[in-house]
Amino acid sequence: MIYGSLDKWLHSEVHSSHPVKILTLVQRLNIAADIAAALDYLHNYFQPSIVHCDLKPRNILLGENMVARVGDFSLAKILTDPIGKQLINSKSSVGILGTIGYAALEYGEGGQIFSHGDAFSFGIVLLEMFTGTTPTHDMFADGLTLLNYAKTVYPARLMDVVDPICYPLRLNQSKLMVS
């Protein structure tokens, strides 16, 4: 894909050999909509349904016009029914599915594969897209996760965690005037 992975755009400081890349708020929203549409197709319209099991920014590729595509189906599972009780023997790894920080908690406990796991991962990707913070950041220790972090600031201090590159204009509440 011509624009590489979403990860390189969200964390260009990690990929220092690449020039600084900035995603606008509108681009982030469009990418989120593209990912949601891909998951909707895989879970609800493709037969049999497919659960990706490793949705993360590195597996989201950006093509022409910054259209997002979900890639790397190496851990994907094919479901034979909509609630995921039976798996077709697909060529994927056995064991813990997904990547630490993005995988649904049930997967770490050996739980059943469901499309809900991809929905959880998508939520983490959304949080990362709009906070600019990876779920494996050093600040997340002793039970603190990106999800818990976001919950502690919502709704009163939500703008405190929004990536300033994503939304650089923050209003000073004390200067707001109501007429």
C-alpha atoms as a PDB file:
ATOM      1  CA  MET A   1       0.000   0.000   0.000  1.00  0.00           C
ATOM      2  CA  ILE A   2       1.400   3.335  -1.002  1.00  0.00           C
ATOM      3  CA  TYR A   3       1.095   5.047   2.394  1.00  0.00           C
ATOM      4  CA  GLY A   4       2.250   2.133   4.534  1.00  0.00           C
ATOM      5  CA  SER A   5       0.691   1.148   7.824  1.00  0.00           C
ATOM      6  CA  LEU A   6      -1.431   3.228  10.160  1.00  0.00           C
ATOM      7  CA  ASP A   7       1.191   2.564  12.832  1.00  0.00           C
ATOM      8  CA  LYS A   8       3.786   4.566  10.899  1.00  0.00           C
ATOM      9  CA  TRP A   9       1.408   7.510  10.725  1.00  0.00           C
ATOM     10  CA  LEU A  10       0.403   7.407  14.389  1.00  0.00           C
ATOM     11  CA  HIS A  11       3.912   6.875  15.732  1.00  0.00           C
ATOM     12  CA  SER A  12       6.285   8.460  13.227  1.00  0.00           C
ATOM     13  CA  GLU A  13       8.778   9.147  16.042  1.00  0.00           C
ATOM     14  CA  VAL A  14       9.310   5.388  16.368  1.00  0.00           C
ATOM     15  CA  HIS A  15       9.857   5.090  12.632  1.00  0.00           C
ATOM     16  CA  SER A  16      12.482   7.862  12.545  1.00  0.00           C
ATOM     17  CA  SER A  17      13.715   7.021   9.041  1.00  0.00           C
ATOM     18  CA  HIS A  18      10.393   8.278   7.707  1.00  0.00           C
ATOM     19  CA  PRO A  19       9.454  11.952   7.587  1.00  0.00           C
ATOM     20  CA  VAL A  20       6.948  13.170  10.167  1.00  0.00           C
ATOM     21  CA  LYS A  21       3.456  12.233   9.081  1.00  0.00           C
ATOM     22  CA  ILE A  22       0.362  13.894  10.414  1.00  0.00           C
ATOM     23  CA  LEU A  23      -3.186  12.599  10.179  1.00  0.00           C
ATOM     24  CA  THR A  24      -5.906  15.201  10.452  1.00  0.00           C
ATOM     25  CA  LEU A  25      -9.033  14.608  12.486  1.00  0.00           C
ATOM     26  CA  VAL A  26     -11.032  14.038   9.288  1.00  0.00           C
ATOM     27  CA  GLN A  27      -8.481  11.519   7.989  1.00  0.00           C
ATOM     28  CA  ARG A  28      -8.619   9.646  11.289  1.00  0.00           C
ATOM     29  CA  LEU A  29     -12.403   9.539  11.160  1.00  0.00           C
ATOM     30  CA  ASN A  30     -12.334   8.277   7.562  1.00  0.00           C
ATOM     31  CA  ILE A  31      -9.782   5.597   8.464  1.00  0.00           C
ATOM     32  CA  ALA A  32     -11.946   4.537  11.414  1.00  0.00           C
ATOM     33  CA  ALA A  33     -14.969   4.278   9.101  1.00  0.00           C
ATOM     34  CA  ASP A  34     -12.964   2.181   6.620  1.00  0.00           C
ATOM     35  CA  ILE A  35     -11.864  -0.223   9.367  1.00  0.00           C
ATOM     36  CA  ALA A  36     -15.419  -0.488  10.697  1.00  0.00           C
ATOM     37  CA  ALA A  37     -16.719  -1.257   7.190  1.00  0.00           C
ATOM     38  CA  ALA A  38     -14.076  -3.965   6.698  1.00  0.00           C
ATOM     39  CA  LEU A  39     -14.923  -5.628  10.016  1.00  0.00           C
ATOM     40  CA  ASP A  40     -18.642  -5.386   9.280  1.00  0.00           C
ATOM     41  CA  TYR A  41     -18.054  -7.155   5.967  1.00  0.00           C
ATOM     42  CA  LEU A  42     -15.878  -9.892   7.493  1.00  0.00           C
ATOM     43  CA  HIS A  43     -18.254 -10.528  10.395  1.00  0.00           C
ATOM     44  CA  ASN A  44     -21.675 -10.040   8.802  1.00  0.00           C
ATOM     45  CA  TYR A  45     -21.543 -10.346   5.021  1.00  0.00           C
ATOM     46  CA  PHE A  46     -18.730 -12.750   4.167  1.00  0.00           C
ATOM     47  CA  GLN A  47     -19.822 -16.381   4.448  1.00  0.00           C
ATOM     48  CA  PRO A  48     -18.505 -18.076   6.434  1.00  0.00           C
ATOM     49  CA  SER A  49     -17.651 -15.224   8.800  1.00  0.00           C
ATOM     50  CA  ILE A  50     -14.028 -14.372   9.474  1.00  0.00           C
ATOM     51  CA  VAL A  51     -12.630 -13.074  12.756  1.00  0.00           C
ATOM     52  CA  HIS A  52      -9.323 -11.261  12.230  1.00  0.00           C
ATOM     53  CA  CYS A  53      -7.956 -11.897  15.763  1.00  0.00           C
ATOM     54  CA  ASP A  54      -5.036  -9.426  15.405  1.00  0.00           C
ATOM     55  CA  LEU A  55      -6.425  -6.002  14.567  1.00  0.00           C
ATOM     56  CA  LYS A  56      -3.839  -3.316  15.326  1.00  0.00           C
ATOM     57  CA  PRO A  57      -2.355  -0.269  13.549  1.00  0.00           C
ATOM     58  CA  ARG A  58       0.456  -2.312  11.978  1.00  0.00           C
ATOM     59  CA  ASN A  59      -2.164  -4.489  10.265  1.00  0.00           C
ATOM     60  CA  ILE A  60      -4.077  -1.539   8.843  1.00  0.00           C
ATOM     61  CA  LEU A  61      -2.635  -0.424   5.542  1.00  0.00           C
ATOM     62  CA  LEU A  62      -3.310   2.903   3.880  1.00  0.00           C
ATOM     63  CA  GLY A  63      -3.776   2.918   0.130  1.00  0.00           C
ATOM     64  CA  GLU A  64      -4.632   5.461  -2.495  1.00  0.00           C
ATOM     65  CA  ASN A  65      -6.553   8.459  -1.086  1.00  0.00           C
ATOM     66  CA  MET A  66      -5.631   7.199   2.409  1.00  0.00           C
ATOM     67  CA  VAL A  67      -8.270   4.459   2.229  1.00  0.00           C
ATOM     68  CA  ALA A  68      -7.644   1.971   5.039  1.00  0.00           C
ATOM     69  CA  ARG A  69      -7.438  -1.760   4.357  1.00  0.00           C
ATOM     70  CA  VAL A  70      -7.271  -4.461   6.995  1.00  0.00           C
ATOM     71  CA  GLY A  71      -4.362  -6.810   6.304  1.00  0.00           C
ATOM     72  CA  ASP A  72      -2.372  -9.721   7.764  1.00  0.00           C
ATOM     73  CA  PHE A  73      -4.867 -12.493   8.211  1.00  0.00           C
ATOM     74  CA  SER A  74      -2.300 -14.954   9.593  1.00  0.00           C
ATOM     75  CA  LEU A  75      -4.199 -15.367  12.887  1.00  0.00           C
ATOM     76  CA  ALA A  76      -7.697 -15.104  11.389  1.00  0.00           C
ATOM     77  CA  LYS A  77     -10.279 -17.735  12.192  1.00  0.00           C
ATOM     78  CA  ILE A  78     -13.123 -18.840   9.959  1.00  0.00           C
ATOM     79  CA  LEU A  79     -16.411 -19.366  11.784  1.00  0.00           C
ATOM     80  CA  THR A  80     -19.086 -21.778  10.619  1.00  0.00           C
ATOM     81  CA  ASP A  81     -21.912 -20.123  12.508  1.00  0.00           C
ATOM     82  CA  PRO A  82     -22.704 -16.555  13.531  1.00  0.00           C
ATOM     83  CA  ILE A  83     -22.024 -17.085  17.230  1.00  0.00           C
ATOM     84  CA  GLY A  84     -18.621 -18.663  16.672  1.00  0.00           C
ATOM     85  CA  LYS A  85     -19.109 -22.032  18.302  1.00  0.00           C
ATOM     86  CA  GLN A  86     -17.482 -24.082  15.560  1.00  0.00           C
ATOM     87  CA  LEU A  87     -14.256 -23.260  13.793  1.00  0.00           C
ATOM     88  CA  ILE A  88     -13.214 -24.457  10.406  1.00  0.00           C
ATOM     89  CA  ASN A  89      -9.678 -25.790  10.617  1.00  0.00           C
ATOM     90  CA  SER A  90      -7.958 -22.730   9.147  1.00  0.00           C
ATOM     91  CA  LYS A  91      -4.213 -22.389   8.693  1.00  0.00           C
ATOM     92  CA  SER A  92      -3.441 -20.136  11.617  1.00  0.00           C
ATOM     93  CA  SER A  93      -1.486 -20.234  14.834  1.00  0.00           C
ATOM     94  CA  VAL A  94      -2.669 -22.077  17.897  1.00  0.00           C
ATOM     95  CA  GLY A  95      -2.442 -20.476  21.319  1.00  0.00           C
ATOM     96  CA  ILE A  96      -2.948 -16.898  22.413  1.00  0.00           C
ATOM     97  CA  LEU A  97      -4.494 -14.897  19.619  1.00  0.00           C
ATOM     98  CA  GLY A  98      -3.650 -11.307  18.881  1.00  0.00           C
ATOM     99  CA  THR A  99      -1.129  -8.844  20.182  1.00  0.00           C
ATOM    100  CA  ILE A 100      -0.717  -7.756  23.792  1.00  0.00           C
ATOM    101  CA  GLY A 101      -2.653  -4.568  24.386  1.00  0.00           C
ATOM    102  CA  TYR A 102      -5.039  -5.152  21.474  1.00  0.00           C
ATOM    103  CA  ALA A 103      -6.304  -8.694  22.034  1.00  0.00           C
ATOM    104  CA  ALA A 104      -9.588  -9.282  23.798  1.00  0.00           C
ATOM    105  CA  LEU A 105      -9.045 -10.437  27.364  1.00  0.00           C
ATOM    106  CA  GLU A 106     -10.984 -13.654  26.711  1.00  0.00           C
ATOM    107  CA  TYR A 107      -8.350 -14.721  24.179  1.00  0.00           C
ATOM    108  CA  GLY A 108      -5.645 -14.665  26.857  1.00  0.00           C
ATOM    109  CA  GLU A 109      -7.769 -16.958  28.970  1.00  0.00           C
ATOM    110  CA  GLY A 110      -8.271 -19.406  26.098  1.00  0.00           C
ATOM    111  CA  GLY A 111     -11.817 -18.215  25.505  1.00  0.00           C
ATOM    112  CA  GLN A 112     -14.019 -18.824  22.488  1.00  0.00           C
ATOM    113  CA  ILE A 113     -13.353 -16.840  19.307  1.00  0.00           C
ATOM    114  CA  PHE A 114     -16.094 -14.283  18.607  1.00  0.00           C
ATOM    115  CA  SER A 115     -16.378 -11.213  16.417  1.00  0.00           C
ATOM    116  CA  HIS A 116     -16.608  -9.299  19.713  1.00  0.00           C
ATOM    117  CA  GLY A 117     -12.853  -9.812  20.078  1.00  0.00           C
ATOM    118  CA  ASP A 118     -12.289  -7.831  16.887  1.00  0.00           C
ATOM    119  CA  ALA A 119     -14.695  -5.171  18.184  1.00  0.00           C
ATOM    120  CA  PHE A 120     -12.600  -4.874  21.363  1.00  0.00           C
ATOM    121  CA  SER A 121      -9.396  -4.573  19.314  1.00  0.00           C
ATOM    122  CA  PHE A 122     -11.060  -1.962  17.102  1.00  0.00           C
ATOM    123  CA  GLY A 123     -11.951   0.051  20.211  1.00  0.00           C
ATOM    124  CA  ILE A 124      -8.322  -0.025  21.336  1.00  0.00           C
ATOM    125  CA  VAL A 125      -7.196   1.047  17.842  1.00  0.00           C
ATOM    126  CA  LEU A 126      -9.685   3.937  18.001  1.00  0.00           C
ATOM    127  CA  LEU A 127      -8.340   5.010  21.388  1.00  0.00           C
ATOM    128  CA  GLU A 128      -4.810   4.864  20.016  1.00  0.00           C
ATOM    129  CA  MET A 129      -5.801   6.836  16.917  1.00  0.00           C
ATOM    130  CA  PHE A 130      -7.303   9.655  18.936  1.00  0.00           C
ATOM    131  CA  THR A 131      -4.925   9.729  21.917  1.00  0.00           C
ATOM    132  CA  GLY A 132      -1.687   8.982  20.076  1.00  0.00           C
ATOM    133  CA  THR A 133      -0.779   6.547  22.867  1.00  0.00           C
ATOM    134  CA  THR A 134      -0.045   2.869  22.308  1.00  0.00           C
ATOM    135  CA  PRO A 135      -1.692   0.344  24.628  1.00  0.00           C
ATOM    136  CA  THR A 136       1.794  -0.940  25.472  1.00  0.00           C
ATOM    137  CA  HIS A 137       3.163   2.438  26.580  1.00  0.00           C
ATOM    138  CA  ASP A 138       5.349   2.305  29.705  1.00  0.00           C
ATOM    139  CA  MET A 139       2.740   4.290  31.649  1.00  0.00           C
ATOM    140  CA  PHE A 140       0.401   1.286  31.512  1.00  0.00           C
ATOM    141  CA  ALA A 141       1.470  -0.867  34.429  1.00  0.00           C
ATOM    142  CA  ASP A 142      -0.059  -2.259  37.606  1.00  0.00           C
ATOM    143  CA  GLY A 143      -3.437  -2.871  35.980  1.00  0.00           C
ATOM    144  CA  LEU A 144      -3.681   0.475  34.196  1.00  0.00           C
ATOM    145  CA  THR A 145      -4.568   0.017  30.530  1.00  0.00           C
ATOM    146  CA  LEU A 146      -5.290   2.405  27.685  1.00  0.00           C
ATOM    147  CA  LEU A 147      -8.977   1.581  28.097  1.00  0.00           C
ATOM    148  CA  ASN A 148      -8.950   2.281  31.853  1.00  0.00           C
ATOM    149  CA  TYR A 149      -6.948   5.451  31.257  1.00  0.00           C
ATOM    150  CA  ALA A 150      -9.562   6.727  28.810  1.00  0.00           C
ATOM    151  CA  LYS A 151     -12.374   5.805  31.199  1.00  0.00           C
ATOM    152  CA  THR A 152     -10.807   7.845  34.021  1.00  0.00           C
ATOM    153  CA  VAL A 153     -10.861  11.051  31.969  1.00  0.00           C
ATOM    154  CA  TYR A 154     -14.229  10.589  30.285  1.00  0.00           C
ATOM    155  CA  PRO A 155     -16.171  12.847  29.911  1.00  0.00           C
ATOM    156  CA  ALA A 156     -14.896  15.740  32.029  1.00  0.00           C
ATOM    157  CA  ARG A 157     -11.228  15.698  30.991  1.00  0.00           C
ATOM    158  CA  LEU A 158     -11.435  13.921  27.649  1.00  0.00           C
ATOM    159  CA  MET A 159      -9.618  16.693  25.787  1.00  0.00           C
ATOM    160  CA  ASP A 160      -6.652  16.205  28.133  1.00  0.00           C
ATOM    161  CA  VAL A 161      -5.840  12.914  26.415  1.00  0.00           C
ATOM    162  CA  VAL A 162      -6.669  13.745  22.800  1.00  0.00           C
ATOM    163  CA  ASP A 163      -3.567  13.712  20.611  1.00  0.00           C
ATOM    164  CA  PRO A 164      -2.641  17.393  20.165  1.00  0.00           C
ATOM    165  CA  ILE A 165      -1.602  16.678  16.580  1.00  0.00           C
ATOM    166  CA  CYS A 166      -5.110  15.381  15.944  1.00  0.00           C
ATOM    167  CA  TYR A 167      -6.860  18.341  17.522  1.00  0.00           C
ATOM    168  CA  PRO A 168      -4.376  21.203  18.033  1.00  0.00           C
ATOM    169  CA  LEU A 169      -6.917  23.876  18.850  1.00  0.00           C
ATOM    170  CA  ARG A 170      -8.004  23.476  22.448  1.00  0.00           C
ATOM    171  CA  LEU A 171     -10.399  25.969  23.903  1.00  0.00           C
ATOM    172  CA  ASN A 172      -9.518  27.540  27.211  1.00  0.00           C
ATOM    173  CA  GLN A 173     -12.706  27.001  29.205  1.00  0.00           C
ATOM    174  CA  SER A 174     -12.170  30.151  31.251  1.00  0.00           C
ATOM    175  CA  LYS A 175     -12.296  32.296  28.094  1.00  0.00           C
ATOM    176  CA  LEU A 176     -15.565  30.908  26.826  1.00  0.00           C
ATOM    177  CA  MET A 177     -18.404  33.352  27.000  1.00  0.00           C
ATOM    178  CA  VAL A 178     -22.070  32.521  26.710  1.00  0.00           C
ATOM    179  CA  SER A 179     -24.306  35.237  25.290  1.00  0.00           C
END
